[in-house]
Amino acid sequence: MRNLTSIVEDSNYRLRRIGHILNGSLKRGRRPRQCWKKPGRTSAWWNNFQKGTVVPEEWRENFHMSQDSFSELCTQLRPFIEKKITKMRVPISVETQVAVTLYYLSDEGRYRKVANAFGISRSSVSIIVRTVCIAISVHLGPKYIKLPTTQDDVRYAADKFEEQTGYPQSIGAIDNSTDYLNRKNRYSLNVQATCDYRYCFIDVVIKWPGSVHDARMFANSNINQLFRTGRIPACYKIIVEDEDPVPVCVLGDPAYPLLPFFKKEFAGGGRNIQEQYFGHRLSSARMMIECAFGRLKARFGALRRDMDIKMPDLQHVINSCFVLHNFL
């Protein structure tokens, strides 16, 4: 049995420990907060934008959109990201939250650079970027990224695509991008996207690991299901006289399967001149999606580097770039 002295010492130790916890002096692996805002950190750079003292070109150079587009985006996001004023502090405004997110996505910099530009902490930047990107992805995504599902919309999309590329009966081109790397320089996510004649994305899939084959991604995609169930009308059209009418389709590379609504080049480039010419025309039309990806990555530099965001939120961050691309 423990003697009385050890019991008393143990009780005193526990009481002292409880006292330290209550007094806030027990260190738990991090220093106590010294200030709400570090001395010397200022938001003067961003204040110049809010006051209108910068030239209009500065908006496009730093946020890749005009001031009018920025204001419209803030209006659409306000119901989802606006915070209430409390007794403790005045929350960060909607305009600042949107500007922080756009500045992060538009540049190849990190949280520290964004925090210094806006005079806020890195932890606040991290929370803002994830919150705003989730709002963009969830609430604005269905509005700006959508497939044509009516006869008129499908025919219009096919006619416009033919005007742009010369390839008939196609509503868009599809491809996968493997430019999203993690810290170990490995492909974390395989992103499949389909674009239309305007270089706008009409379908985006961001959920498969980088090792998944393109054909498997397409088999489980929304656009594949809509074609198979007829929710995207076939809109048959005669292309060559005395031949059967053909349905609308999407164009892809040889990694995808050949389907009635999916066209790709002949294996090996074609066995004769006709097949080779067909492959050349299809490949030229399919460059639409390559150009769309190029414009996307040129506008949002964050996609050109490894993403310092956890995987559950990373999908929303990447998808928000696609949504903003269509919004602009």
C-alpha atoms as a PDB file:
ATOM      1  CA  MET A   1       0.000   0.000   0.000  1.00  0.00           C
ATOM      2  CA  ARG A   2       1.119   3.549  -0.703  1.00  0.00           C
ATOM      3  CA  ASN A   3       2.112   5.534   2.365  1.00  0.00           C
ATOM      4  CA  LEU A   4       0.353   8.731   3.388  1.00  0.00           C
ATOM      5  CA  THR A   5       3.227  10.976   2.258  1.00  0.00           C
ATOM      6  CA  SER A   6       3.159   9.747  -1.360  1.00  0.00           C
ATOM      7  CA  ILE A   7      -0.605  10.125  -1.508  1.00  0.00           C
ATOM      8  CA  VAL A   8      -0.385  13.717  -0.302  1.00  0.00           C
ATOM      9  CA  GLU A   9       2.421  14.551  -2.770  1.00  0.00           C
ATOM     10  CA  ASP A  10       0.457  13.037  -5.642  1.00  0.00           C
ATOM     11  CA  SER A  11      -2.639  15.035  -4.690  1.00  0.00           C
ATOM     12  CA  ASN A  12      -0.643  18.247  -4.476  1.00  0.00           C
ATOM     13  CA  TYR A  13       0.848  17.603  -7.920  1.00  0.00           C
ATOM     14  CA  ARG A  14      -2.595  17.105  -9.442  1.00  0.00           C
ATOM     15  CA  LEU A  15      -3.888  20.271  -7.809  1.00  0.00           C
ATOM     16  CA  ARG A  16      -0.939  22.269  -9.148  1.00  0.00           C
ATOM     17  CA  ARG A  17      -1.469  20.827 -12.622  1.00  0.00           C
ATOM     18  CA  ILE A  18      -5.145  21.777 -12.564  1.00  0.00           C
ATOM     19  CA  GLY A  19      -4.164  25.245 -11.423  1.00  0.00           C
ATOM     20  CA  HIS A  20      -1.709  25.613 -14.300  1.00  0.00           C
ATOM     21  CA  ILE A  21      -4.379  24.583 -16.777  1.00  0.00           C
ATOM     22  CA  LEU A  22      -6.911  27.031 -15.350  1.00  0.00           C
ATOM     23  CA  ASN A  23      -4.366  29.840 -15.363  1.00  0.00           C
ATOM     24  CA  GLY A  24      -3.417  29.125 -18.976  1.00  0.00           C
ATOM     25  CA  SER A  25       0.265  28.703 -18.119  1.00  0.00           C
ATOM     26  CA  LEU A  26       0.563  25.057 -19.116  1.00  0.00           C
ATOM     27  CA  LYS A  27       2.244  24.886 -22.475  1.00  0.00           C
ATOM     28  CA  ARG A  28       0.809  22.393 -24.914  1.00  0.00           C
ATOM     29  CA  GLY A  29       3.467  22.435 -27.609  1.00  0.00           C
ATOM     30  CA  ARG A  30       2.805  25.994 -28.834  1.00  0.00           C
ATOM     31  CA  ARG A  31       3.318  29.514 -27.618  1.00  0.00           C
ATOM     32  CA  PRO A  32       0.361  31.505 -26.267  1.00  0.00           C
ATOM     33  CA  ARG A  33      -1.123  34.153 -28.567  1.00  0.00           C
ATOM     34  CA  GLN A  34       0.811  37.386 -28.198  1.00  0.00           C
ATOM     35  CA  CYS A  35      -1.327  39.583 -30.446  1.00  0.00           C
ATOM     36  CA  TRP A  36      -4.235  39.426 -32.870  1.00  0.00           C
ATOM     37  CA  LYS A  37      -2.139  40.955 -35.624  1.00  0.00           C
ATOM     38  CA  LYS A  38       1.645  41.009 -35.930  1.00  0.00           C
ATOM     39  CA  PRO A  39       3.185  44.485 -35.716  1.00  0.00           C
ATOM     40  CA  GLY A  40       4.237  45.873 -39.073  1.00  0.00           C
ATOM     41  CA  ARG A  41       1.803  43.794 -41.099  1.00  0.00           C
ATOM     42  CA  THR A  42      -0.348  46.092 -43.195  1.00  0.00           C
ATOM     43  CA  SER A  43      -3.125  45.876 -45.782  1.00  0.00           C
ATOM     44  CA  ALA A  44      -2.129  49.107 -47.564  1.00  0.00           C
ATOM     45  CA  TRP A  45      -1.672  47.311 -50.898  1.00  0.00           C
ATOM     46  CA  TRP A  46      -5.214  45.912 -50.882  1.00  0.00           C
ATOM     47  CA  ASN A  47      -6.646  49.156 -49.498  1.00  0.00           C
ATOM     48  CA  ASN A  48      -5.501  50.930 -52.663  1.00  0.00           C
ATOM     49  CA  PHE A  49      -7.746  48.618 -54.687  1.00  0.00           C
ATOM     50  CA  GLN A  50     -10.723  49.246 -52.418  1.00  0.00           C
ATOM     51  CA  LYS A  51     -10.206  53.012 -52.544  1.00  0.00           C
ATOM     52  CA  GLY A  52      -9.951  52.976 -56.347  1.00  0.00           C
ATOM     53  CA  THR A  53      -6.489  54.537 -56.449  1.00  0.00           C
ATOM     54  CA  VAL A  54      -5.017  51.838 -58.704  1.00  0.00           C
ATOM     55  CA  VAL A  55      -5.361  51.781 -62.477  1.00  0.00           C
ATOM     56  CA  PRO A  56      -7.936  49.302 -63.918  1.00  0.00           C
ATOM     57  CA  GLU A  57      -5.189  47.141 -65.426  1.00  0.00           C
ATOM     58  CA  GLU A  58      -4.031  46.277 -61.912  1.00  0.00           C
ATOM     59  CA  TRP A  59      -7.210  44.254 -61.335  1.00  0.00           C
ATOM     60  CA  ARG A  60      -6.506  41.985 -64.300  1.00  0.00           C
ATOM     61  CA  GLU A  61      -2.811  41.664 -63.521  1.00  0.00           C
ATOM     62  CA  ASN A  62      -3.382  40.587 -59.910  1.00  0.00           C
ATOM     63  CA  PHE A  63      -6.818  38.926 -59.924  1.00  0.00           C
ATOM     64  CA  HIS A  64      -7.178  38.034 -63.630  1.00  0.00           C
ATOM     65  CA  MET A  65     -10.557  39.757 -63.894  1.00  0.00           C
ATOM     66  CA  SER A  66     -11.938  43.258 -64.220  1.00  0.00           C
ATOM     67  CA  GLN A  67     -13.293  45.221 -61.269  1.00  0.00           C
ATOM     68  CA  ASP A  68     -16.848  44.799 -62.570  1.00  0.00           C
ATOM     69  CA  SER A  69     -16.435  41.020 -62.756  1.00  0.00           C
ATOM     70  CA  PHE A  70     -14.948  41.054 -59.263  1.00  0.00           C
ATOM     71  CA  SER A  71     -17.964  42.945 -57.919  1.00  0.00           C
ATOM     72  CA  GLU A  72     -20.364  40.550 -59.631  1.00  0.00           C
ATOM     73  CA  LEU A  73     -18.539  37.552 -58.155  1.00  0.00           C
ATOM     74  CA  CYS A  74     -18.712  39.078 -54.670  1.00  0.00           C
ATOM     75  CA  THR A  75     -22.459  39.635 -55.088  1.00  0.00           C
ATOM     76  CA  GLN A  76     -23.047  35.996 -56.001  1.00  0.00           C
ATOM     77  CA  LEU A  77     -20.895  34.658 -53.150  1.00  0.00           C
ATOM     78  CA  ARG A  78     -22.062  37.061 -50.424  1.00  0.00           C
ATOM     79  CA  PRO A  79     -24.945  34.881 -49.106  1.00  0.00           C
ATOM     80  CA  PHE A  80     -22.551  31.966 -48.556  1.00  0.00           C
ATOM     81  CA  ILE A  81     -19.379  33.522 -47.110  1.00  0.00           C
ATOM     82  CA  GLU A  82     -20.461  36.705 -45.326  1.00  0.00           C
ATOM     83  CA  LYS A  83     -19.752  36.595 -41.573  1.00  0.00           C
ATOM     84  CA  LYS A  84     -21.611  38.328 -38.744  1.00  0.00           C
ATOM     85  CA  ILE A  85     -20.085  41.089 -36.645  1.00  0.00           C
ATOM     86  CA  THR A  86     -19.421  39.915 -33.083  1.00  0.00           C
ATOM     87  CA  LYS A  87     -18.384  41.613 -29.856  1.00  0.00           C
ATOM     88  CA  MET A  88     -14.847  40.295 -30.284  1.00  0.00           C
ATOM     89  CA  ARG A  89     -13.907  41.450 -33.784  1.00  0.00           C
ATOM     90  CA  VAL A  90     -15.197  42.755 -37.085  1.00  0.00           C
ATOM     91  CA  PRO A  91     -15.051  39.854 -39.586  1.00  0.00           C
ATOM     92  CA  ILE A  92     -13.053  39.953 -42.795  1.00  0.00           C
ATOM     93  CA  SER A  93     -15.246  41.431 -45.521  1.00  0.00           C
ATOM     94  CA  VAL A  94     -16.600  39.467 -48.466  1.00  0.00           C
ATOM     95  CA  GLU A  95     -14.536  41.555 -50.884  1.00  0.00           C
ATOM     96  CA  THR A  96     -11.329  40.783 -49.001  1.00  0.00           C
ATOM     97  CA  GLN A  97     -12.150  37.062 -48.828  1.00  0.00           C
ATOM     98  CA  VAL A  98     -12.758  36.884 -52.566  1.00  0.00           C
ATOM     99  CA  ALA A  99      -9.639  38.939 -53.318  1.00  0.00           C
ATOM    100  CA  VAL A 100      -7.494  36.698 -51.093  1.00  0.00           C
ATOM    101  CA  THR A 101      -8.789  33.588 -52.866  1.00  0.00           C
ATOM    102  CA  LEU A 102      -8.294  34.997 -56.356  1.00  0.00           C
ATOM    103  CA  TYR A 103      -4.802  36.222 -55.509  1.00  0.00           C
ATOM    104  CA  TYR A 104      -3.885  32.776 -54.194  1.00  0.00           C
ATOM    105  CA  LEU A 105      -5.314  30.953 -57.213  1.00  0.00           C
ATOM    106  CA  SER A 106      -3.941  33.396 -59.783  1.00  0.00           C
ATOM    107  CA  ASP A 107      -0.345  33.240 -58.588  1.00  0.00           C
ATOM    108  CA  GLU A 108       2.172  30.509 -57.912  1.00  0.00           C
ATOM    109  CA  GLY A 109       2.877  31.942 -54.460  1.00  0.00           C
ATOM    110  CA  ARG A 110       2.114  30.458 -51.072  1.00  0.00           C
ATOM    111  CA  TYR A 111       0.056  31.414 -48.034  1.00  0.00           C
ATOM    112  CA  ARG A 112       2.856  33.596 -46.672  1.00  0.00           C
ATOM    113  CA  LYS A 113       2.924  35.788 -49.779  1.00  0.00           C
ATOM    114  CA  VAL A 114      -0.856  36.229 -49.756  1.00  0.00           C
ATOM    115  CA  ALA A 115      -0.865  36.972 -46.026  1.00  0.00           C
ATOM    116  CA  ASN A 116       1.754  39.680 -46.449  1.00  0.00           C
ATOM    117  CA  ALA A 117      -0.140  41.276 -49.339  1.00  0.00           C
ATOM    118  CA  PHE A 118      -3.411  41.563 -47.404  1.00  0.00           C
ATOM    119  CA  GLY A 119      -2.071  42.098 -43.905  1.00  0.00           C
ATOM    120  CA  ILE A 120      -3.644  38.989 -42.384  1.00  0.00           C
ATOM    121  CA  SER A 121      -2.294  35.758 -40.907  1.00  0.00           C
ATOM    122  CA  ARG A 122      -1.432  32.642 -42.879  1.00  0.00           C
ATOM    123  CA  SER A 123      -4.003  30.640 -40.922  1.00  0.00           C
ATOM    124  CA  SER A 124      -6.690  33.137 -41.952  1.00  0.00           C
ATOM    125  CA  VAL A 125      -5.603  32.844 -45.592  1.00  0.00           C
ATOM    126  CA  SER A 126      -5.876  29.054 -45.385  1.00  0.00           C
ATOM    127  CA  ILE A 127      -9.396  29.209 -43.935  1.00  0.00           C
ATOM    128  CA  ILE A 128     -10.535  31.860 -46.417  1.00  0.00           C
ATOM    129  CA  VAL A 129      -9.229  30.030 -49.496  1.00  0.00           C
ATOM    130  CA  ARG A 130     -10.923  26.778 -48.522  1.00  0.00           C
ATOM    131  CA  THR A 131     -14.195  28.451 -47.508  1.00  0.00           C
ATOM    132  CA  VAL A 132     -14.520  30.563 -50.650  1.00  0.00           C
ATOM    133  CA  CYS A 133     -13.480  27.719 -52.992  1.00  0.00           C
ATOM    134  CA  ILE A 134     -16.057  25.397 -51.452  1.00  0.00           C
ATOM    135  CA  ALA A 135     -18.736  28.076 -51.905  1.00  0.00           C
ATOM    136  CA  ILE A 136     -17.730  28.573 -55.539  1.00  0.00           C
ATOM    137  CA  SER A 137     -17.637  24.846 -56.247  1.00  0.00           C
ATOM    138  CA  VAL A 138     -20.886  23.913 -54.496  1.00  0.00           C
ATOM    139  CA  HIS A 139     -23.117  26.919 -55.165  1.00  0.00           C
ATOM    140  CA  LEU A 140     -21.798  28.362 -58.445  1.00  0.00           C
ATOM    141  CA  GLY A 141     -20.568  25.127 -60.023  1.00  0.00           C
ATOM    142  CA  PRO A 142     -23.975  23.828 -61.202  1.00  0.00           C
ATOM    143  CA  LYS A 143     -24.725  27.256 -62.671  1.00  0.00           C
ATOM    144  CA  TYR A 144     -21.585  27.633 -64.786  1.00  0.00           C
ATOM    145  CA  ILE A 145     -20.584  24.029 -65.559  1.00  0.00           C
ATOM    146  CA  LYS A 146     -23.436  22.140 -67.193  1.00  0.00           C
ATOM    147  CA  LEU A 147     -24.062  19.905 -70.188  1.00  0.00           C
ATOM    148  CA  PRO A 148     -26.663  20.634 -72.879  1.00  0.00           C
ATOM    149  CA  THR A 149     -29.702  18.425 -72.283  1.00  0.00           C
ATOM    150  CA  THR A 150     -32.317  19.765 -74.713  1.00  0.00           C
ATOM    151  CA  GLN A 151     -32.655  19.277 -78.467  1.00  0.00           C
ATOM    152  CA  ASP A 152     -32.121  22.973 -79.166  1.00  0.00           C
ATOM    153  CA  ASP A 153     -29.083  23.291 -76.888  1.00  0.00           C
ATOM    154  CA  VAL A 154     -27.436  20.161 -78.287  1.00  0.00           C
ATOM    155  CA  ARG A 155     -27.979  21.185 -81.913  1.00  0.00           C
ATOM    156  CA  TYR A 156     -26.719  24.694 -81.199  1.00  0.00           C
ATOM    157  CA  ALA A 157     -23.592  23.340 -79.461  1.00  0.00           C
ATOM    158  CA  ALA A 158     -22.888  20.939 -82.349  1.00  0.00           C
ATOM    159  CA  ASP A 159     -23.369  23.639 -85.008  1.00  0.00           C
ATOM    160  CA  LYS A 160     -21.089  26.067 -83.188  1.00  0.00           C
ATOM    161  CA  PHE A 161     -18.433  23.403 -82.661  1.00  0.00           C
ATOM    162  CA  GLU A 162     -18.499  22.631 -86.382  1.00  0.00           C
ATOM    163  CA  GLU A 163     -18.107  26.330 -87.189  1.00  0.00           C
ATOM    164  CA  GLN A 164     -15.056  26.516 -84.964  1.00  0.00           C
ATOM    165  CA  THR A 165     -13.337  23.254 -85.873  1.00  0.00           C
ATOM    166  CA  GLY A 166     -14.936  21.932 -89.070  1.00  0.00           C
ATOM    167  CA  TYR A 167     -15.867  18.648 -87.375  1.00  0.00           C
ATOM    168  CA  PRO A 168     -19.627  17.864 -87.558  1.00  0.00           C
ATOM    169  CA  GLN A 169     -21.955  16.413 -84.945  1.00  0.00           C
ATOM    170  CA  SER A 170     -19.734  17.004 -81.928  1.00  0.00           C
ATOM    171  CA  ILE A 171     -20.682  18.983 -78.839  1.00  0.00           C
ATOM    172  CA  GLY A 172     -17.173  19.099 -77.397  1.00  0.00           C
ATOM    173  CA  ALA A 173     -13.797  17.516 -76.764  1.00  0.00           C
ATOM    174  CA  ILE A 174     -12.669  15.563 -73.708  1.00  0.00           C
ATOM    175  CA  ASP A 175      -9.280  14.917 -72.142  1.00  0.00           C
ATOM    176  CA  ASN A 176      -7.507  14.262 -68.852  1.00  0.00           C
ATOM    177  CA  SER A 177      -5.003  16.527 -67.189  1.00  0.00           C
ATOM    178  CA  THR A 178      -2.220  15.188 -64.968  1.00  0.00           C
ATOM    179  CA  ASP A 179      -0.746  18.513 -63.919  1.00  0.00           C
ATOM    180  CA  TYR A 180      -1.864  18.418 -60.288  1.00  0.00           C
ATOM    181  CA  LEU A 181       1.085  17.198 -58.245  1.00  0.00           C
ATOM    182  CA  ASN A 182       1.584  16.587 -54.544  1.00  0.00           C
ATOM    183  CA  ARG A 183       4.640  17.365 -52.445  1.00  0.00           C
ATOM    184  CA  LYS A 184       6.327  14.129 -53.534  1.00  0.00           C
ATOM    185  CA  ASN A 185       5.985  15.141 -57.191  1.00  0.00           C
ATOM    186  CA  ARG A 186       3.445  12.395 -57.842  1.00  0.00           C
ATOM    187  CA  TYR A 187       0.068  12.722 -59.518  1.00  0.00           C
ATOM    188  CA  SER A 188      -2.542  12.887 -56.753  1.00  0.00           C
ATOM    189  CA  LEU A 189      -5.641  13.554 -58.837  1.00  0.00           C
ATOM    190  CA  ASN A 190      -6.614  12.712 -62.382  1.00  0.00           C
ATOM    191  CA  VAL A 191      -8.883  15.461 -63.707  1.00  0.00           C
ATOM    192  CA  GLN A 192     -11.173  14.760 -66.671  1.00  0.00           C
ATOM    193  CA  ALA A 193     -12.854  17.688 -68.385  1.00  0.00           C
ATOM    194  CA  THR A 194     -14.978  18.332 -71.472  1.00  0.00           C
ATOM    195  CA  CYS A 195     -15.091  21.713 -73.194  1.00  0.00           C
ATOM    196  CA  ASP A 196     -17.357  23.236 -75.842  1.00  0.00           C
ATOM    197  CA  TYR A 197     -16.742  25.555 -78.794  1.00  0.00           C
ATOM    198  CA  ARG A 198     -16.129  28.557 -76.493  1.00  0.00           C
ATOM    199  CA  TYR A 199     -13.313  26.833 -74.576  1.00  0.00           C
ATOM    200  CA  CYS A 200     -15.723  26.641 -71.637  1.00  0.00           C
ATOM    201  CA  PHE A 201     -15.927  23.460 -69.571  1.00  0.00           C
ATOM    202  CA  ILE A 202     -19.255  21.655 -69.667  1.00  0.00           C
ATOM    203  CA  ASP A 203     -18.290  18.629 -67.539  1.00  0.00           C
ATOM    204  CA  VAL A 204     -15.520  18.155 -64.966  1.00  0.00           C
ATOM    205  CA  VAL A 205     -14.611  15.046 -62.943  1.00  0.00           C
ATOM    206  CA  ILE A 206     -12.225  15.538 -59.996  1.00  0.00           C
ATOM    207  CA  LYS A 207     -12.247  12.526 -57.704  1.00  0.00           C
ATOM    208  CA  TRP A 208     -10.061   9.756 -59.130  1.00  0.00           C
ATOM    209  CA  PRO A 209      -6.438   9.003 -58.124  1.00  0.00           C
ATOM    210  CA  GLY A 210      -3.730   9.709 -60.652  1.00  0.00           C
ATOM    211  CA  SER A 211      -3.216   5.995 -61.330  1.00  0.00           C
ATOM    212  CA  VAL A 212      -6.767   5.431 -62.665  1.00  0.00           C
ATOM    213  CA  HIS A 213      -7.019   4.878 -66.431  1.00  0.00           C
ATOM    214  CA  ASP A 214      -8.822   7.439 -68.594  1.00  0.00           C
ATOM    215  CA  ALA A 215     -11.323   4.850 -69.854  1.00  0.00           C
ATOM    216  CA  ARG A 216     -12.402   3.969 -66.319  1.00  0.00           C
ATOM    217  CA  MET A 217     -12.915   7.607 -65.443  1.00  0.00           C
ATOM    218  CA  PHE A 218     -15.085   8.132 -68.502  1.00  0.00           C
ATOM    219  CA  ALA A 219     -17.112   4.970 -67.816  1.00  0.00           C
ATOM    220  CA  ASN A 220     -18.077   6.337 -64.399  1.00  0.00           C
ATOM    221  CA  SER A 221     -18.549   9.956 -65.456  1.00  0.00           C
ATOM    222  CA  ASN A 222     -21.767  11.944 -65.591  1.00  0.00           C
ATOM    223  CA  ILE A 223     -21.449  12.724 -69.304  1.00  0.00           C
ATOM    224  CA  ASN A 224     -21.244   9.003 -70.127  1.00  0.00           C
ATOM    225  CA  GLN A 225     -24.381   8.245 -68.121  1.00  0.00           C
ATOM    226  CA  LEU A 226     -26.314  11.108 -69.734  1.00  0.00           C
ATOM    227  CA  PHE A 227     -25.435   9.878 -73.214  1.00  0.00           C
ATOM    228  CA  ARG A 228     -26.341   6.263 -72.413  1.00  0.00           C
ATOM    229  CA  THR A 229     -29.685   7.145 -70.833  1.00  0.00           C
ATOM    230  CA  GLY A 230     -30.628   9.540 -73.626  1.00  0.00           C
ATOM    231  CA  ARG A 231     -30.739  12.628 -71.414  1.00  0.00           C
ATOM    232  CA  ILE A 232     -28.362  14.172 -73.933  1.00  0.00           C
ATOM    233  CA  PRO A 233     -30.436  13.861 -77.138  1.00  0.00           C
ATOM    234  CA  ALA A 234     -28.744  12.061 -80.025  1.00  0.00           C
ATOM    235  CA  CYS A 235     -29.959  14.637 -82.574  1.00  0.00           C
ATOM    236  CA  TYR A 236     -29.248  12.399 -85.594  1.00  0.00           C
ATOM    237  CA  LYS A 237     -28.064  14.140 -88.728  1.00  0.00           C
ATOM    238  CA  ILE A 238     -27.078  12.958 -92.226  1.00  0.00           C
ATOM    239  CA  ILE A 239     -23.475  13.940 -92.889  1.00  0.00           C
ATOM    240  CA  VAL A 240     -22.871  12.027 -96.127  1.00  0.00           C
ATOM    241  CA  GLU A 241     -25.575  11.515 -98.735  1.00  0.00           C
ATOM    242  CA  ASP A 242     -26.977   8.003 -99.044  1.00  0.00           C
ATOM    243  CA  GLU A 243     -25.488   7.097 -95.653  1.00  0.00           C
ATOM    244  CA  ASP A 244     -27.164   6.562 -92.282  1.00  0.00           C
ATOM    245  CA  PRO A 245     -27.573   9.593 -90.019  1.00  0.00           C
ATOM    246  CA  VAL A 246     -25.105   9.846 -87.145  1.00  0.00           C
ATOM    247  CA  PRO A 247     -25.690  11.046 -83.555  1.00  0.00           C
ATOM    248  CA  VAL A 248     -23.858  13.806 -81.735  1.00  0.00           C
ATOM    249  CA  CYS A 249     -20.686  12.830 -79.917  1.00  0.00           C
ATOM    250  CA  VAL A 250     -17.647  14.014 -78.023  1.00  0.00           C
ATOM    251  CA  LEU A 251     -14.071  13.728 -79.259  1.00  0.00           C
ATOM    252  CA  GLY A 252     -11.211  12.133 -77.342  1.00  0.00           C
ATOM    253  CA  ASP A 253      -7.780  10.571 -77.671  1.00  0.00           C
ATOM    254  CA  PRO A 254      -7.048   6.879 -78.338  1.00  0.00           C
ATOM    255  CA  ALA A 255      -7.007   6.056 -74.605  1.00  0.00           C
ATOM    256  CA  TYR A 256     -10.798   6.234 -74.522  1.00  0.00           C
ATOM    257  CA  PRO A 257     -13.188   3.541 -75.827  1.00  0.00           C
ATOM    258  CA  LEU A 258     -14.925   3.836 -79.200  1.00  0.00           C
ATOM    259  CA  LEU A 259     -18.665   4.324 -78.669  1.00  0.00           C
ATOM    260  CA  PRO A 260     -21.632   5.592 -80.729  1.00  0.00           C
ATOM    261  CA  PHE A 261     -21.355   8.890 -78.855  1.00  0.00           C
ATOM    262  CA  PHE A 262     -17.563   8.924 -78.544  1.00  0.00           C
ATOM    263  CA  LYS A 263     -15.187   9.278 -81.482  1.00  0.00           C
ATOM    264  CA  LYS A 264     -11.428   8.812 -81.564  1.00  0.00           C
ATOM    265  CA  GLU A 265      -8.692   8.316 -84.152  1.00  0.00           C
ATOM    266  CA  PHE A 266      -8.005   5.035 -85.887  1.00  0.00           C
ATOM    267  CA  ALA A 267      -5.462   2.769 -84.213  1.00  0.00           C
ATOM    268  CA  GLY A 268      -1.936   3.309 -85.430  1.00  0.00           C
ATOM    269  CA  GLY A 269      -2.877   6.531 -87.168  1.00  0.00           C
ATOM    270  CA  GLY A 270      -4.964   4.797 -89.874  1.00  0.00           C
ATOM    271  CA  ARG A 271      -4.303   2.172 -92.556  1.00  0.00           C
ATOM    272  CA  ASN A 272      -4.957   4.345 -95.604  1.00  0.00           C
ATOM    273  CA  ILE A 273      -5.094   7.963 -96.672  1.00  0.00           C
ATOM    274  CA  GLN A 274      -8.784   8.347 -95.813  1.00  0.00           C
ATOM    275  CA  GLU A 275      -8.329   7.069 -92.257  1.00  0.00           C
ATOM    276  CA  GLN A 276      -5.230   9.195 -91.784  1.00  0.00           C
ATOM    277  CA  TYR A 277      -7.035  12.290 -92.999  1.00  0.00           C
ATOM    278  CA  PHE A 278      -9.951  11.528 -90.674  1.00  0.00           C
ATOM    279  CA  GLY A 279      -7.521  11.217 -87.765  1.00  0.00           C
ATOM    280  CA  HIS A 280      -5.892  14.510 -88.688  1.00  0.00           C
ATOM    281  CA  ARG A 281      -9.238  16.361 -88.758  1.00  0.00           C
ATOM    282  CA  LEU A 282     -10.374  14.785 -85.488  1.00  0.00           C
ATOM    283  CA  SER A 283      -7.067  15.542 -83.793  1.00  0.00           C
ATOM    284  CA  SER A 284      -7.248  19.156 -84.957  1.00  0.00           C
ATOM    285  CA  ALA A 285     -10.767  19.506 -83.558  1.00  0.00           C
ATOM    286  CA  ARG A 286      -9.736  17.830 -80.297  1.00  0.00           C
ATOM    287  CA  MET A 287      -7.096  20.522 -79.749  1.00  0.00           C
ATOM    288  CA  MET A 288      -9.970  22.627 -78.415  1.00  0.00           C
ATOM    289  CA  ILE A 289      -9.673  20.894 -75.037  1.00  0.00           C
ATOM    290  CA  GLU A 290      -5.876  21.287 -75.023  1.00  0.00           C
ATOM    291  CA  CYS A 291      -6.270  25.027 -75.552  1.00  0.00           C
ATOM    292  CA  ALA A 292      -8.935  25.189 -72.838  1.00  0.00           C
ATOM    293  CA  PHE A 293      -6.598  23.514 -70.339  1.00  0.00           C
ATOM    294  CA  GLY A 294      -3.829  25.891 -71.398  1.00  0.00           C
ATOM    295  CA  ARG A 295      -6.005  28.945 -70.807  1.00  0.00           C
ATOM    296  CA  LEU A 296      -7.127  27.565 -67.455  1.00  0.00           C
ATOM    297  CA  LYS A 297      -3.578  27.037 -66.185  1.00  0.00           C
ATOM    298  CA  ALA A 298      -2.413  30.375 -67.554  1.00  0.00           C
ATOM    299  CA  ARG A 299      -5.185  32.136 -65.631  1.00  0.00           C
ATOM    300  CA  PHE A 300      -4.771  30.187 -62.370  1.00  0.00           C
ATOM    301  CA  GLY A 301      -1.098  29.721 -61.621  1.00  0.00           C
ATOM    302  CA  ALA A 302      -1.839  27.691 -58.489  1.00  0.00           C
ATOM    303  CA  LEU A 303      -2.606  24.728 -60.777  1.00  0.00           C
ATOM    304  CA  ARG A 304       0.966  24.730 -62.069  1.00  0.00           C
ATOM    305  CA  ARG A 305       2.500  23.707 -58.753  1.00  0.00           C
ATOM    306  CA  ASP A 306       1.937  21.193 -55.964  1.00  0.00           C
ATOM    307  CA  MET A 307      -1.124  22.156 -53.935  1.00  0.00           C
ATOM    308  CA  ASP A 308      -0.562  22.838 -50.225  1.00  0.00           C
ATOM    309  CA  ILE A 309      -4.147  21.857 -49.379  1.00  0.00           C
ATOM    310  CA  LYS A 310      -5.543  18.657 -47.898  1.00  0.00           C
ATOM    311  CA  MET A 311      -7.131  16.209 -50.314  1.00  0.00           C
ATOM    312  CA  PRO A 312     -10.803  16.616 -49.211  1.00  0.00           C
ATOM    313  CA  ASP A 313     -10.615  20.369 -49.853  1.00  0.00           C
ATOM    314  CA  LEU A 314      -8.326  20.080 -52.874  1.00  0.00           C
ATOM    315  CA  GLN A 315     -11.161  18.839 -55.091  1.00  0.00           C
ATOM    316  CA  HIS A 316     -13.189  21.989 -54.375  1.00  0.00           C
ATOM    317  CA  VAL A 317     -10.165  24.244 -54.921  1.00  0.00           C
ATOM    318  CA  ILE A 318      -9.444  22.742 -58.340  1.00  0.00           C
ATOM    319  CA  ASN A 319     -13.112  22.710 -59.319  1.00  0.00           C
ATOM    320  CA  SER A 320     -13.450  26.369 -58.327  1.00  0.00           C
ATOM    321  CA  CYS A 321     -10.802  27.202 -60.939  1.00  0.00           C
ATOM    322  CA  PHE A 322     -12.935  25.558 -63.627  1.00  0.00           C
ATOM    323  CA  VAL A 323     -16.016  27.434 -62.396  1.00  0.00           C
ATOM    324  CA  LEU A 324     -14.206  30.776 -62.358  1.00  0.00           C
ATOM    325  CA  HIS A 325     -12.834  30.076 -65.832  1.00  0.00           C
ATOM    326  CA  ASN A 326     -16.396  29.741 -67.153  1.00  0.00           C
ATOM    327  CA  PHE A 327     -17.580  32.706 -65.092  1.00  0.00           C
ATOM    328  CA  LEU A 328     -14.970  34.900 -66.780  1.00  0.00           C
END
